[in-house]
Amino acid sequence: MKKTDIERILKQGSVRQKIKLYMTDSALFNVELHTFLEAKEDEGLSIKSPLLTDPERDLLWKSIKEPKDIKYYEKLRTLNSVFLYFKDKLSIENIKLGASMFFLRSYVSEYTANAKNAEVINDLLELYPDKKSREAALKLALEKTKDWRGKVYQEINFPKYIEIAVNKNAKIAKEYIKMFNLILSKELPIQPYKDWVKKEEDITIDTLNKIYDITSGGKSGGSGILKYNEIEVEITQEDVEDFKSSKL
């Protein structure tokens, strides 16, 4: 938000605009606190104000006097608390997806190495009926490994539970994202929260794409992982009301 917009709202804005500015300032702390931390040699860590000075925040706070304005502020404050509670749950689902991605990458690397080792060992066993075969076996082993480029020798069968877990975590993440977008578009119009949800959605999509590429690369039948646009999520009005009335 531009400084000129802030000054205009402080001087001429409606009480609702002032309340949203007050909440926006708080929201920046909630989603981007690390960007406002400042290290000082003698004082340690201090926090820079995102948008408003303390006197400006005090001025906005004192403007909330009328019952209708107090009611509007309380509505945003309650939704803000609920959002912050579920915000961490979305982050956890994305962390789970990231962990699954790294597991699958390690699984492919280990499988590839084991497939190579198994082939070399099998070839060596065939050449070791007696001691006279050792020289030939050594020669074969060297030929097999000198130009190794990680070829997969057979289809990789990924653990089924991983596919189930990834699809479940991705669906939960998308449910949170869709719910957040509904609430933020109508009930809690705070831009820093909208930006944060978009960033988390990008992470979800990117992670799922990478997992899909990993799992489809080693399977002739494709991947059992659903892409983001293939995940069906339905949010009912009852779900929205339950979300809004959630108690911490």
Protein backbone atom coordinates (compact mmCIF):
# COMPACT_ATOMS: atom_id res chain seq x y z
CA MET A 1 0.00 0.00 0.00
CA LYS A 2 1.32 3.42 -0.97
CA LYS A 3 2.07 6.03 1.67
CA THR A 4 -0.25 8.49 -0.09
CA ASP A 5 -3.13 5.99 0.20
CA ILE A 6 -2.42 5.54 3.90
CA GLU A 7 -2.37 9.31 4.48
CA ARG A 8 -5.62 9.73 2.54
CA ILE A 9 -7.40 7.07 4.61
CA LEU A 10 -6.05 8.52 7.86
CA LYS A 11 -7.35 11.98 6.96
CA GLN A 12 -10.46 11.40 4.86
CA GLY A 13 -11.29 7.69 4.91
CA SER A 14 -14.46 6.14 6.29
CA VAL A 15 -14.30 4.29 9.58
CA ARG A 16 -14.55 0.98 7.68
CA GLN A 17 -11.56 1.93 5.55
CA LYS A 18 -9.64 2.82 8.70
CA ILE A 19 -10.54 -0.52 10.28
CA LYS A 20 -9.33 -2.40 7.17
CA LEU A 21 -6.11 -0.37 7.19
CA TYR A 22 -5.61 -1.23 10.87
CA MET A 23 -6.19 -4.92 10.13
CA THR A 24 -3.92 -4.82 7.06
CA ASP A 25 -1.08 -3.47 9.18
CA SER A 26 -1.58 -6.35 11.65
CA ALA A 27 -1.89 -8.89 8.83
CA LEU A 28 1.54 -8.00 7.47
CA PHE A 29 3.02 -8.91 10.84
CA ASN A 30 1.16 -12.20 10.77
CA VAL A 31 2.35 -13.38 7.35
CA GLU A 32 5.66 -11.56 6.82
CA LEU A 33 7.09 -10.98 10.29
CA HIS A 34 10.60 -11.99 9.21
CA THR A 35 10.72 -9.05 6.76
CA PHE A 36 10.13 -6.57 9.59
CA LEU A 37 12.77 -7.86 12.00
CA GLU A 38 15.79 -5.62 12.32
CA ALA A 39 19.01 -6.57 14.08
CA LYS A 40 20.67 -3.81 16.10
CA GLU A 41 24.10 -4.24 17.65
CA ASP A 42 23.22 -2.85 21.07
CA GLU A 43 19.51 -3.66 21.23
CA GLY A 44 19.26 -7.09 19.59
CA LEU A 45 16.20 -7.73 17.41
CA SER A 46 13.61 -5.02 16.93
CA ILE A 47 10.47 -4.94 14.81
CA LYS A 48 9.91 -2.30 12.15
CA SER A 49 6.33 -1.17 11.63
CA PRO A 50 4.92 -2.56 8.36
CA LEU A 51 2.68 0.38 7.46
CA LEU A 52 1.72 2.47 10.46
CA THR A 53 3.47 4.26 13.26
CA ASP A 54 2.26 3.74 16.82
CA PRO A 55 0.52 7.17 16.86
CA GLU A 56 -1.23 6.31 13.57
CA ARG A 57 -2.43 2.96 14.92
CA ASP A 58 -3.68 4.72 18.05
CA LEU A 59 -5.53 7.27 15.89
CA LEU A 60 -7.24 4.50 13.91
CA TRP A 61 -8.18 2.64 17.06
CA LYS A 62 -9.80 5.71 18.59
CA SER A 63 -11.92 6.21 15.46
CA ILE A 64 -13.86 2.98 16.18
CA LYS A 65 -16.67 4.41 18.32
CA GLU A 66 -20.08 3.75 16.78
CA PRO A 67 -21.82 0.40 17.54
CA LYS A 68 -21.97 -0.52 13.83
CA ASP A 69 -18.23 0.13 13.48
CA ILE A 70 -17.43 -1.82 16.63
CA LYS A 71 -19.53 -4.69 15.29
CA TYR A 72 -17.65 -4.61 11.95
CA TYR A 73 -14.29 -4.55 13.72
CA GLU A 74 -15.27 -7.49 15.94
CA LYS A 75 -16.37 -9.46 12.87
CA LEU A 76 -12.98 -8.91 11.17
CA ARG A 77 -11.10 -9.60 14.39
CA THR A 78 -12.90 -12.93 14.87
CA LEU A 79 -12.35 -14.00 11.25
CA ASN A 80 -8.74 -12.92 11.52
CA SER A 81 -8.23 -15.24 14.51
CA VAL A 82 -9.88 -18.14 12.68
CA PHE A 83 -7.79 -17.49 9.56
CA LEU A 84 -4.56 -17.52 11.56
CA TYR A 85 -5.52 -20.80 13.20
CA PHE A 86 -6.22 -22.57 9.88
CA LYS A 87 -3.36 -20.81 8.10
CA ASP A 88 -0.87 -23.00 9.93
CA LYS A 89 -2.83 -26.11 8.95
CA LEU A 90 -2.44 -25.26 5.25
CA SER A 91 1.29 -24.75 5.76
CA ILE A 92 1.52 -28.17 7.43
CA GLU A 93 -0.17 -29.87 4.45
CA ASN A 94 2.35 -28.25 2.12
CA ILE A 95 5.19 -29.39 4.37
CA LYS A 96 3.83 -32.95 4.18
CA LEU A 97 3.70 -32.73 0.38
CA GLY A 98 7.29 -31.46 0.31
CA ALA A 99 8.40 -34.33 2.54
CA SER A 100 6.71 -36.83 0.21
CA MET A 101 8.48 -35.28 -2.76
CA PHE A 102 11.90 -35.67 -1.14
CA PHE A 103 11.08 -39.22 -0.09
CA LEU A 104 10.13 -40.15 -3.65
CA ARG A 105 13.30 -38.58 -5.02
CA SER A 106 15.36 -40.62 -2.56
CA TYR A 107 13.33 -43.71 -3.41
CA VAL A 108 14.10 -43.30 -7.12
CA SER A 109 17.81 -42.76 -6.43
CA GLU A 110 18.02 -45.79 -4.17
CA TYR A 111 16.00 -47.94 -6.55
CA THR A 112 18.21 -46.93 -9.47
CA ALA A 113 21.39 -47.74 -7.55
CA ASN A 114 19.98 -51.05 -6.35
CA ALA A 115 18.84 -51.99 -9.85
CA LYS A 116 22.34 -51.40 -11.16
CA ASN A 117 23.98 -53.27 -8.31
CA ALA A 118 21.59 -56.18 -8.70
CA GLU A 119 22.36 -56.53 -12.39
CA VAL A 120 26.12 -56.45 -11.84
CA ILE A 121 25.89 -58.97 -8.99
CA ASN A 122 23.72 -61.32 -11.02
CA ASP A 123 26.15 -61.18 -13.93
CA LEU A 124 29.05 -61.84 -11.60
CA LEU A 125 27.32 -64.80 -10.01
CA GLU A 126 26.84 -66.34 -13.41
CA LEU A 127 30.59 -66.06 -14.01
CA TYR A 128 31.72 -67.43 -10.65
CA PRO A 129 31.27 -71.18 -10.93
CA ASP A 130 34.96 -71.50 -10.01
CA LYS A 131 38.08 -69.44 -9.28
CA LYS A 132 39.16 -69.34 -12.91
CA SER A 133 36.20 -67.08 -13.72
CA ARG A 134 37.29 -64.18 -11.46
CA GLU A 135 39.32 -62.36 -14.08
CA ALA A 136 36.47 -62.47 -16.58
CA ALA A 137 34.01 -61.33 -13.89
CA LEU A 138 36.18 -58.34 -12.95
CA LYS A 139 36.44 -57.31 -16.59
CA LEU A 140 32.67 -57.51 -16.98
CA ALA A 141 32.06 -55.44 -13.85
CA LEU A 142 34.34 -52.67 -15.09
CA GLU A 143 32.62 -52.60 -18.46
CA LYS A 144 29.22 -52.42 -16.81
CA THR A 145 30.04 -49.50 -14.51
CA LYS A 146 32.40 -47.20 -16.46
CA ASP A 147 29.64 -45.62 -18.59
CA TRP A 148 26.84 -45.81 -16.03
CA ARG A 149 24.25 -43.06 -16.47
CA GLY A 150 21.53 -44.22 -14.07
CA LYS A 151 19.39 -46.26 -16.45
CA VAL A 152 16.31 -47.77 -14.78
CA TYR A 153 16.11 -51.45 -15.69
CA GLN A 154 12.46 -52.06 -14.90
CA GLU A 155 9.32 -50.20 -13.93
CA ILE A 156 9.48 -48.59 -10.50
CA ASN A 157 6.64 -49.62 -8.24
CA PHE A 158 6.19 -46.77 -5.79
CA PRO A 159 4.68 -47.56 -2.39
CA LYS A 160 0.90 -47.26 -2.74
CA TYR A 161 0.57 -45.55 0.63
CA ILE A 162 2.62 -42.62 -0.67
CA GLU A 163 0.23 -41.99 -3.54
CA ILE A 164 -2.73 -42.21 -1.14
CA ALA A 165 -1.08 -39.81 1.32
CA VAL A 166 -0.10 -37.29 -1.36
CA ASN A 167 -3.60 -37.19 -2.86
CA LYS A 168 -5.11 -36.82 0.62
CA ASN A 169 -2.75 -34.00 1.66
CA ALA A 170 -3.25 -32.21 -1.65
CA LYS A 171 -7.04 -32.37 -1.33
CA ILE A 172 -6.96 -31.00 2.20
CA ALA A 173 -4.64 -28.19 1.06
CA LYS A 174 -6.97 -27.31 -1.83
CA GLU A 175 -9.96 -27.30 0.53
CA TYR A 176 -8.20 -24.78 2.77
CA ILE A 177 -7.20 -22.67 -0.22
CA LYS A 178 -10.72 -22.60 -1.64
CA MET A 179 -12.21 -21.77 1.76
CA PHE A 180 -9.68 -19.00 2.34
CA ASN A 181 -10.39 -17.48 -1.08
CA LEU A 182 -14.13 -17.46 -0.37
CA ILE A 183 -13.68 -15.84 3.03
CA LEU A 184 -11.11 -13.30 1.85
CA SER A 185 -13.17 -12.23 -1.16
CA LYS A 186 -16.32 -11.53 0.86
CA GLU A 187 -15.76 -11.53 4.60
CA LEU A 188 -12.12 -10.63 5.35
CA PRO A 189 -10.88 -8.38 2.50
CA ILE A 190 -7.27 -8.12 3.65
CA GLN A 191 -4.69 -8.05 0.83
CA PRO A 192 -1.67 -9.51 2.69
CA TYR A 193 -3.74 -12.61 3.44
CA LYS A 194 -4.83 -12.90 -0.21
CA ASP A 195 -1.18 -12.66 -1.29
CA TRP A 196 -0.17 -15.30 1.24
CA VAL A 197 -2.85 -17.77 0.09
CA LYS A 198 -1.80 -17.29 -3.53
CA LYS A 199 1.80 -18.02 -2.59
CA GLU A 200 0.79 -21.19 -0.72
CA GLU A 201 -1.35 -22.31 -3.67
CA ASP A 202 1.63 -21.86 -6.00
CA ILE A 203 3.70 -24.03 -3.64
CA THR A 204 1.01 -26.73 -3.64
CA ILE A 205 0.76 -26.76 -7.44
CA ASP A 206 4.52 -26.77 -7.96
CA THR A 207 5.11 -29.57 -5.45
CA LEU A 208 2.33 -31.71 -6.93
CA ASN A 209 3.73 -31.22 -10.44
CA LYS A 210 7.15 -32.37 -9.29
CA ILE A 211 5.70 -35.40 -7.50
CA TYR A 212 3.68 -36.28 -10.62
CA ASP A 213 6.80 -36.06 -12.78
CA ILE A 214 8.74 -38.30 -10.39
CA THR A 215 6.05 -40.97 -10.15
CA SER A 216 4.99 -40.97 -13.79
CA GLY A 217 8.57 -41.24 -15.07
CA GLY A 218 9.07 -44.78 -13.83
CA LYS A 219 5.63 -46.21 -14.54
CA SER A 220 4.22 -47.32 -17.88
CA GLY A 221 0.67 -46.61 -16.74
CA GLY A 222 1.39 -43.05 -15.66
CA SER A 223 1.08 -41.71 -12.13
CA GLY A 224 -1.55 -42.34 -9.49
CA ILE A 225 -0.97 -38.77 -8.29
CA LEU A 226 -3.72 -36.30 -9.12
CA LYS A 227 -2.70 -32.96 -10.55
CA TYR A 228 -4.03 -29.86 -8.80
CA ASN A 229 -6.70 -29.14 -11.43
CA GLU A 230 -7.89 -32.75 -11.22
CA ILE A 231 -8.64 -32.57 -7.49
CA GLU A 232 -12.35 -32.05 -6.90
CA VAL A 233 -13.24 -29.92 -3.90
CA GLU A 234 -16.69 -28.75 -2.84
CA ILE A 235 -17.24 -26.07 -0.22
CA THR A 236 -20.85 -25.66 0.88
CA GLN A 237 -22.39 -22.64 2.58
CA GLU A 238 -22.64 -24.78 5.70
CA ASP A 239 -18.87 -25.33 5.51
CA VAL A 240 -18.35 -21.57 5.26
CA GLU A 241 -20.53 -20.90 8.29
CA ASP A 242 -18.76 -23.62 10.28
CA PHE A 243 -15.42 -22.07 9.36
CA LYS A 244 -16.54 -18.57 10.37
CA SER A 245 -17.85 -19.80 13.72
CA SER A 246 -14.82 -21.92 14.58
CA LYS A 247 -13.66 -21.35 18.14
CA LEU A 248 -9.99 -21.45 19.07
